[in-house]
PDB file of N, CA and C in Angstrom:
ATOM      1  N   MET A   1      -0.021 -20.719  49.986  1.00  0.00           N
ATOM      2  CA  MET A   1       0.867 -19.889  49.199  1.00  0.00           C
ATOM      3  C   MET A   1       1.143 -20.535  47.841  1.00  0.00           C
ATOM      4  N   PHE A   2       1.279 -21.831  47.827  1.00  0.00           N
ATOM      5  CA  PHE A   2       1.550 -22.548  46.573  1.00  0.00           C
ATOM      6  C   PHE A   2       0.413 -22.346  45.577  1.00  0.00           C
ATOM      7  N   VAL A   3      -0.836 -22.343  46.065  1.00  0.00           N
ATOM      8  CA  VAL A   3      -2.005 -22.152  45.214  1.00  0.00           C
ATOM      9  C   VAL A   3      -1.965 -20.753  44.595  1.00  0.00           C
ATOM     10  N   PHE A   4      -1.520 -19.798  45.352  1.00  0.00           N
ATOM     11  CA  PHE A   4      -1.406 -18.430  44.859  1.00  0.00           C
ATOM     12  C   PHE A   4      -0.429 -18.370  43.681  1.00  0.00           C
ATOM     13  N   PHE A   5       0.713 -19.025  43.801  1.00  0.00           N
ATOM     14  CA  PHE A   5       1.697 -19.037  42.717  1.00  0.00           C
ATOM     15  C   PHE A   5       1.185 -19.796  41.491  1.00  0.00           C
ATOM     16  N   GLN A   6       0.432 -20.845  41.736  1.00  0.00           N
ATOM     17  CA  GLN A   6      -0.158 -21.570  40.609  1.00  0.00           C
ATOM     18  C   GLN A   6      -1.142 -20.677  39.848  1.00  0.00           C
ATOM     19  N   GLU A   7      -1.927 -19.932  40.613  1.00  0.00           N
ATOM     20  CA  GLU A   7      -2.886 -19.020  39.986  1.00  0.00           C
ATOM     21  C   GLU A   7      -2.148 -17.926  39.205  1.00  0.00           C
ATOM     22  N   LEU A   8      -1.110 -17.376  39.758  1.00  0.00           N
ATOM     23  CA  LEU A   8      -0.319 -16.374  39.054  1.00  0.00           C
ATOM     24  C   LEU A   8       0.288 -16.949  37.779  1.00  0.00           C
ATOM     25  N   GLU A   9       0.757 -18.169  37.857  1.00  0.00           N
ATOM     26  CA  GLU A   9       1.337 -18.811  36.678  1.00  0.00           C
ATOM     27  C   GLU A   9       0.271 -19.035  35.605  1.00  0.00           C
ATOM     28  N   ARG A  10      -0.912 -19.454  36.023  1.00  0.00           N
ATOM     29  CA  ARG A  10      -2.016 -19.664  35.086  1.00  0.00           C
ATOM     30  C   ARG A  10      -2.410 -18.340  34.430  1.00  0.00           C
ATOM     31  N   LEU A  11      -2.507 -17.272  35.196  1.00  0.00           N
ATOM     32  CA  LEU A  11      -2.846 -15.963  34.658  1.00  0.00           C
ATOM     33  C   LEU A  11      -1.761 -15.464  33.696  1.00  0.00           C
ATOM     34  N   GLU A  12      -0.518 -15.723  34.010  1.00  0.00           N
ATOM     35  CA  GLU A  12       0.563 -15.319  33.121  1.00  0.00           C
ATOM     36  C   GLU A  12       0.484 -16.090  31.798  1.00  0.00           C
ATOM     37  N   GLU A  13       0.167 -17.353  31.850  1.00  0.00           N
ATOM     38  CA  GLU A  13       0.002 -18.147  30.632  1.00  0.00           C
ATOM     39  C   GLU A  13      -1.146 -17.587  29.787  1.00  0.00           C
ATOM     40  N   GLN A  14      -2.231 -17.222  30.433  1.00  0.00           N
ATOM     41  CA  GLN A  14      -3.364 -16.639  29.712  1.00  0.00           C
ATOM     42  C   GLN A  14      -2.978 -15.300  29.081  1.00  0.00           C
ATOM     43  N   ARG A  15      -2.249 -14.490  29.831  1.00  0.00           N
ATOM     44  CA  ARG A  15      -1.812 -13.186  29.318  1.00  0.00           C
ATOM     45  C   ARG A  15      -0.932 -13.362  28.084  1.00  0.00           C
ATOM     46  N   VAL A  16       0.000 -14.291  28.162  1.00  0.00           N
ATOM     47  CA  VAL A  16       0.890 -14.543  27.039  1.00  0.00           C
ATOM     48  C   VAL A  16       0.106 -15.056  25.837  1.00  0.00           C
ATOM     49  N   GLU A  17      -0.876 -15.893  26.055  1.00  0.00           N
ATOM     50  CA  GLU A  17      -1.698 -16.426  24.961  1.00  0.00           C
ATOM     51  C   GLU A  17      -2.530 -15.326  24.311  1.00  0.00           C
ATOM     52  N   VAL A  18      -3.101 -14.447  25.107  1.00  0.00           N
ATOM     53  CA  VAL A  18      -3.884 -13.334  24.551  1.00  0.00           C
ATOM     54  C   VAL A  18      -2.979 -12.434  23.709  1.00  0.00           C
ATOM     55  N   ILE A  19      -1.794 -12.136  24.199  1.00  0.00           N
ATOM     56  CA  ILE A  19      -0.848 -11.315  23.436  1.00  0.00           C
ATOM     57  C   ILE A  19      -0.473 -12.019  22.139  1.00  0.00           C
ATOM     58  N   ARG A  20      -0.232 -13.314  22.201  1.00  0.00           N
ATOM     59  CA  ARG A  20       0.115 -14.078  20.999  1.00  0.00           C
ATOM     60  C   ARG A  20      -1.013 -14.015  19.978  1.00  0.00           C
ATOM     61  N   GLN A  21      -2.252 -14.158  20.437  1.00  0.00           N
ATOM     62  CA  GLN A  21      -3.405 -14.094  19.534  1.00  0.00           C
ATOM     63  C   GLN A  21      -3.524 -12.711  18.889  1.00  0.00           C
ATOM     64  N   HIS A  22      -3.337 -11.667  19.682  1.00  0.00           N
ATOM     65  CA  HIS A  22      -3.422 -10.306  19.140  1.00  0.00           C
ATOM     66  C   HIS A  22      -2.308 -10.057  18.125  1.00  0.00           C
ATOM     67  N   LEU A  23      -1.113 -10.491  18.431  1.00  0.00           N
ATOM     68  CA  LEU A  23      -0.013 -10.318  17.487  1.00  0.00           C
ATOM     69  C   LEU A  23      -0.253 -11.088  16.191  1.00  0.00           C
ATOM     70  N   HIS A  24      -0.788 -12.285  16.316  1.00  0.00           N
ATOM     71  CA  HIS A  24      -1.096 -13.087  15.130  1.00  0.00           C
ATOM     72  C   HIS A  24      -2.159 -12.380  14.280  1.00  0.00           C
ATOM     73  N   GLN A  25      -3.194 -11.880  14.945  1.00  0.00           N
ATOM     74  CA  GLN A  25      -4.254 -11.168  14.229  1.00  0.00           C
ATOM     75  C   GLN A  25      -3.689  -9.915  13.564  1.00  0.00           C
ATOM     76  N   TYR A  26      -2.859  -9.165  14.268  1.00  0.00           N
ATOM     77  CA  TYR A  26      -2.262  -7.950  13.718  1.00  0.00           C
ATOM     78  C   TYR A  26      -1.407  -8.270  12.499  1.00  0.00           C
ATOM     79  N   THR A  27      -0.540  -9.265  12.615  1.00  0.00           N
ATOM     80  CA  THR A  27       0.344  -9.575  11.487  1.00  0.00           C
ATOM     81  C   THR A  27      -0.445 -10.094  10.293  1.00  0.00           C
ATOM     82  N   THR A  28      -1.505 -10.852  10.544  1.00  0.00           N
ATOM     83  CA  THR A  28      -2.345 -11.338   9.452  1.00  0.00           C
ATOM     84  C   THR A  28      -3.033 -10.174   8.745  1.00  0.00           C
ATOM     85  N   LEU A  29      -3.636  -9.282   9.520  1.00  0.00           N
ATOM     86  CA  LEU A  29      -4.313  -8.126   8.933  1.00  0.00           C
ATOM     87  C   LEU A  29      -3.318  -7.209   8.226  1.00  0.00           C
ATOM     88  N   ARG A  30      -2.150  -7.043   8.815  1.00  0.00           N
ATOM     89  CA  ARG A  30      -1.130  -6.190   8.192  1.00  0.00           C
ATOM     90  C   ARG A  30      -0.701  -6.771   6.847  1.00  0.00           C
ATOM     91  N   HIS A  31      -0.507  -8.084   6.818  1.00  0.00           N
ATOM     92  CA  HIS A  31      -0.112  -8.743   5.572  1.00  0.00           C
ATOM     93  C   HIS A  31      -1.198  -8.579   4.503  1.00  0.00           C
ATOM     94  N   GLU A  32      -2.450  -8.806   4.891  1.00  0.00           N
ATOM     95  CA  GLU A  32      -3.556  -8.664   3.933  1.00  0.00           C
ATOM     96  C   GLU A  32      -3.667  -7.221   3.442  1.00  0.00           C
ATOM     97  N   THR A  33      -3.513  -6.263   4.338  1.00  0.00           N
ATOM     98  CA  THR A  33      -3.571  -4.852   3.957  1.00  0.00           C
ATOM     99  C   THR A  33      -2.436  -4.512   3.013  1.00  0.00           C
ATOM    100  N   ASP A  34      -1.237  -4.966   3.328  1.00  0.00           N
ATOM    101  CA  ASP A  34      -0.088  -4.700   2.469  1.00  0.00           C
ATOM    102  C   ASP A  34      -0.292  -5.290   1.086  1.00  0.00           C
ATOM    103  N   MET A  35      -0.847  -6.510   1.032  1.00  0.00           N
ATOM    104  CA  MET A  35      -1.091  -7.143  -0.268  1.00  0.00           C
ATOM    105  C   MET A  35      -2.121  -6.331  -1.050  1.00  0.00           C
ATOM    106  N   PHE A  36      -3.183  -5.870  -0.380  1.00  0.00           N
ATOM    107  CA  PHE A  36      -4.214  -5.070  -1.045  1.00  0.00           C
ATOM    108  C   PHE A  36      -3.614  -3.767  -1.549  1.00  0.00           C
ATOM    109  N   ASN A  37      -2.867  -3.086  -0.681  1.00  0.00           N
ATOM    110  CA  ASN A  37      -2.260  -1.809  -1.076  1.00  0.00           C
ATOM    111  C   ASN A  37      -1.279  -2.003  -2.218  1.00  0.00           C
ATOM    112  N   GLN A  38      -0.501  -3.067  -2.164  1.00  0.00           N
ATOM    113  CA  GLN A  38       0.481  -3.308  -3.216  1.00  0.00           C
ATOM    114  C   GLN A  38      -0.214  -3.540  -4.548  1.00  0.00           C
ATOM    115  N   SER A  39      -1.299  -4.309  -4.537  1.00  0.00           N
ATOM    116  CA  SER A  39      -1.999  -4.566  -5.798  1.00  0.00           C
ATOM    117  C   SER A  39      -2.626  -3.285  -6.334  1.00  0.00           C
ATOM    118  N   SER A  40      -3.088  -2.404  -5.450  1.00  0.00           N
ATOM    119  CA  SER A  40      -3.647  -1.121  -5.886  1.00  0.00           C
ATOM    120  C   SER A  40      -2.557  -0.233  -6.461  1.00  0.00           C
ATOM    121  N   VAL A  41      -1.426  -0.198  -5.801  1.00  0.00           N
ATOM    122  CA  VAL A  41      -0.322   0.649  -6.243  1.00  0.00           C
ATOM    123  C   VAL A  41       0.244   0.148  -7.563  1.00  0.00           C
ATOM    124  N   GLU A  42       0.301  -1.156  -7.748  1.00  0.00           N
ATOM    125  CA  GLU A  42       0.851  -1.710  -8.985  1.00  0.00           C
ATOM    126  C   GLU A  42       0.054  -1.242 -10.203  1.00  0.00           C
ATOM    127  N   ALA A  43      -1.259  -1.219 -10.090  1.00  0.00           N
ATOM    128  CA  ALA A  43      -2.092  -0.784 -11.213  1.00  0.00           C
ATOM    129  C   ALA A  43      -1.832   0.691 -11.536  1.00  0.00           C
ATOM    130  N   VAL A  44      -1.770   1.516 -10.518  1.00  0.00           N
ATOM    131  CA  VAL A  44      -1.501   2.938 -10.726  1.00  0.00           C
ATOM    132  C   VAL A  44      -0.104   3.125 -11.296  1.00  0.00           C
ATOM    133  N   ASP A  45       0.863   2.410 -10.736  1.00  0.00           N
ATOM    134  CA  ASP A  45       2.244   2.523 -11.204  1.00  0.00           C
ATOM    135  C   ASP A  45       2.366   2.117 -12.669  1.00  0.00           C
ATOM    136  N   LYS A  46       1.635   1.085 -13.056  1.00  0.00           N
ATOM    137  CA  LYS A  46       1.676   0.626 -14.446  1.00  0.00           C
ATOM    138  C   LYS A  46       1.150   1.716 -15.387  1.00  0.00           C
ATOM    139  N   VAL A  47       0.059   2.356 -15.009  1.00  0.00           N
ATOM    140  CA  VAL A  47      -0.496   3.430 -15.826  1.00  0.00           C
ATOM    141  C   VAL A  47       0.472   4.603 -15.892  1.00  0.00           C
ATOM    142  N   LEU A  48       1.059   4.956 -14.762  1.00  0.00           N
ATOM    143  CA  LEU A  48       1.986   6.082 -14.739  1.00  0.00           C
ATOM    144  C   LEU A  48       3.212   5.824 -15.616  1.00  0.00           C
ATOM    145  N   ARG A  49       3.699   4.571 -15.612  1.00  0.00           N
ATOM    146  CA  ARG A  49       4.855   4.250 -16.447  1.00  0.00           C
ATOM    147  C   ARG A  49       4.515   4.292 -17.935  1.00  0.00           C
ATOM    148  N   SER A  50       3.252   4.121 -18.282  1.00  0.00           N
ATOM    149  CA  SER A  50       2.869   4.102 -19.695  1.00  0.00           C
ATOM    150  C   SER A  50       2.645   5.501 -20.264  1.00  0.00           C
ATOM    151  N   ILE A  51       2.657   6.503 -19.404  1.00  0.00           N
ATOM    152  CA  ILE A  51       2.409   7.868 -19.863  1.00  0.00           C
ATOM    153  C   ILE A  51       3.648   8.425 -20.550  1.00  0.00           C
ATOM    154  N   ASN A  52       3.420   8.993 -21.730  1.00  0.00           N
ATOM    155  CA  ASN A  52       4.475   9.656 -22.487  1.00  0.00           C
ATOM    156  C   ASN A  52       4.002  11.088 -22.725  1.00  0.00           C
ATOM    157  N   PRO A  53       4.553  12.054 -21.973  1.00  0.00           N
ATOM    158  CA  PRO A  53       4.046  13.427 -22.087  1.00  0.00           C
ATOM    159  C   PRO A  53       4.100  13.977 -23.509  1.00  0.00           C
ATOM    160  N   THR A  54       5.163  13.685 -24.238  1.00  0.00           N
ATOM    161  CA  THR A  54       5.290  14.198 -25.603  1.00  0.00           C
ATOM    162  C   THR A  54       4.207  13.621 -26.494  1.00  0.00           C
ATOM    163  N   LYS A  55       4.008  12.318 -26.418  1.00  0.00           N
ATOM    164  CA  LYS A  55       2.987  11.656 -27.236  1.00  0.00           C
ATOM    165  C   LYS A  55       1.592  12.136 -26.844  1.00  0.00           C
ATOM    166  N   ASP A  56       1.353  12.281 -25.544  1.00  0.00           N
ATOM    167  CA  ASP A  56       0.051  12.771 -25.090  1.00  0.00           C
ATOM    168  C   ASP A  56      -0.216  14.178 -25.613  1.00  0.00           C
ATOM    169  N   ARG A  57       0.797  15.022 -25.619  1.00  0.00           N
ATOM    170  CA  ARG A  57       0.648  16.376 -26.138  1.00  0.00           C
ATOM    171  C   ARG A  57       0.356  16.356 -27.634  1.00  0.00           C
ATOM    172  N   GLU A  58       1.077  15.515 -28.370  1.00  0.00           N
ATOM    173  CA  GLU A  58       0.832  15.396 -29.812  1.00  0.00           C
ATOM    174  C   GLU A  58      -0.594  14.937 -30.077  1.00  0.00           C
ATOM    175  N   THR A  59      -1.031  13.947 -29.342  1.00  0.00           N
ATOM    176  CA  THR A  59      -2.393  13.434 -29.506  1.00  0.00           C
ATOM    177  C   THR A  59      -3.414  14.521 -29.206  1.00  0.00           C
ATOM    178  N   TRP A  60      -3.200  15.277 -28.125  1.00  0.00           N
ATOM    179  CA  TRP A  60      -4.123  16.351 -27.758  1.00  0.00           C
ATOM    180  C   TRP A  60      -4.207  17.397 -28.871  1.00  0.00           C
ATOM    181  N   VAL A  61      -3.063  17.831 -29.384  1.00  0.00           N
ATOM    182  CA  VAL A  61      -3.043  18.849 -30.432  1.00  0.00           C
ATOM    183  C   VAL A  61      -3.763  18.346 -31.678  1.00  0.00           C
ATOM    184  N   GLN A  62      -3.521  17.104 -32.047  1.00  0.00           N
ATOM    185  CA  GLN A  62      -4.155  16.544 -33.243  1.00  0.00           C
ATOM    186  C   GLN A  62      -5.658  16.384 -33.051  1.00  0.00           C
ATOM    187  N   GLU A  63      -6.074  15.881 -31.903  1.00  0.00           N
ATOM    188  CA  GLU A  63      -7.504  15.667 -31.671  1.00  0.00           C
ATOM    189  C   GLU A  63      -8.263  16.974 -31.506  1.00  0.00           C
ATOM    190  N   GLN A  64      -7.672  17.940 -30.843  1.00  0.00           N
ATOM    191  CA  GLN A  64      -8.357  19.195 -30.555  1.00  0.00           C
ATOM    192  C   GLN A  64      -8.143  20.247 -31.641  1.00  0.00           C
ATOM    193  N   LYS A  65      -7.241  19.923 -32.563  1.00  0.00           N
ATOM    194  CA  LYS A  65      -6.910  20.856 -33.644  1.00  0.00           C
ATOM    195  C   LYS A  65      -6.578  22.246 -33.083  1.00  0.00           C
ATOM    196  N   THR A  66      -5.679  22.245 -32.119  1.00  0.00           N
ATOM    197  CA  THR A  66      -5.335  23.498 -31.431  1.00  0.00           C
ATOM    198  C   THR A  66      -4.120  24.184 -32.032  1.00  0.00           C
ATOM    199  N   GLY A  67      -3.567  23.646 -33.110  1.00  0.00           N
ATOM    200  CA  GLY A  67      -2.429  24.311 -33.712  1.00  0.00           C
ATOM    201  C   GLY A  67      -1.285  23.360 -33.959  1.00  0.00           C
ATOM    202  N   GLU A  68      -0.126  23.947 -34.053  1.00  0.00           N
ATOM    203  CA  GLU A  68       1.053  23.156 -34.350  1.00  0.00           C
ATOM    204  C   GLU A  68       1.626  22.549 -33.067  1.00  0.00           C
ATOM    205  N   ILE A  69       2.338  21.460 -33.289  1.00  0.00           N
ATOM    206  CA  ILE A  69       3.062  20.858 -32.180  1.00  0.00           C
ATOM    207  C   ILE A  69       4.412  21.533 -32.116  1.00  0.00           C
ATOM    208  N   ARG A  70       4.609  22.306 -31.071  1.00  0.00           N
ATOM    209  CA  ARG A  70       5.864  23.021 -30.911  1.00  0.00           C
ATOM    210  C   ARG A  70       6.589  22.470 -29.695  1.00  0.00           C
ATOM    211  N   PRO A  71       7.900  22.502 -29.719  1.00  0.00           N
ATOM    212  CA  PRO A  71       8.633  22.041 -28.532  1.00  0.00           C
ATOM    213  C   PRO A  71       8.327  22.955 -27.353  1.00  0.00           C
ATOM    214  N   THR A  72       8.306  22.380 -26.199  1.00  0.00           N
ATOM    215  CA  THR A  72       8.082  23.166 -24.976  1.00  0.00           C
ATOM    216  C   THR A  72       9.318  23.117 -24.121  1.00  0.00           C
ATOM    217  N   ASP A  73       9.542  24.146 -23.383  1.00  0.00           N
ATOM    218  CA  ASP A  73      10.671  24.204 -22.460  1.00  0.00           C
ATOM    219  C   ASP A  73      10.224  23.547 -21.161  1.00  0.00           C
ATOM    220  N   MET A  74      10.782  22.391 -20.833  1.00  0.00           N
ATOM    221  CA  MET A  74      10.364  21.632 -19.659  1.00  0.00           C
ATOM    222  C   MET A  74      11.092  22.059 -18.385  1.00  0.00           C
ATOM    223  N   LYS A  75      12.027  23.034 -18.495  1.00  0.00           N
ATOM    224  CA  LYS A  75      12.746  23.491 -17.306  1.00  0.00           C
ATOM    225  C   LYS A  75      11.818  24.308 -16.422  1.00  0.00           C
ATOM    226  N   ILE A  76      11.986  24.117 -15.142  1.00  0.00           N
ATOM    227  CA  ILE A  76      11.138  24.842 -14.180  1.00  0.00           C
ATOM    228  C   ILE A  76      12.026  25.779 -13.380  1.00  0.00           C
TER     229      ILE A  76
END
């Protein structure tokens, strides 16, 4: 009977170690993914913050020679 309990204890130790390894792998991959996503989002966010709709419209009108720059009603 004692051998049976030793075997159960050994199997439980192995189970806990496998779970620990999987959790470590998951957290490592999650961290790397988050870092990748954050760096991708930062570049997009930087471009979005640099957009000035009024200036872009003025530039478009001047480059395309589509007429006068008139104020637009931005209310929706």
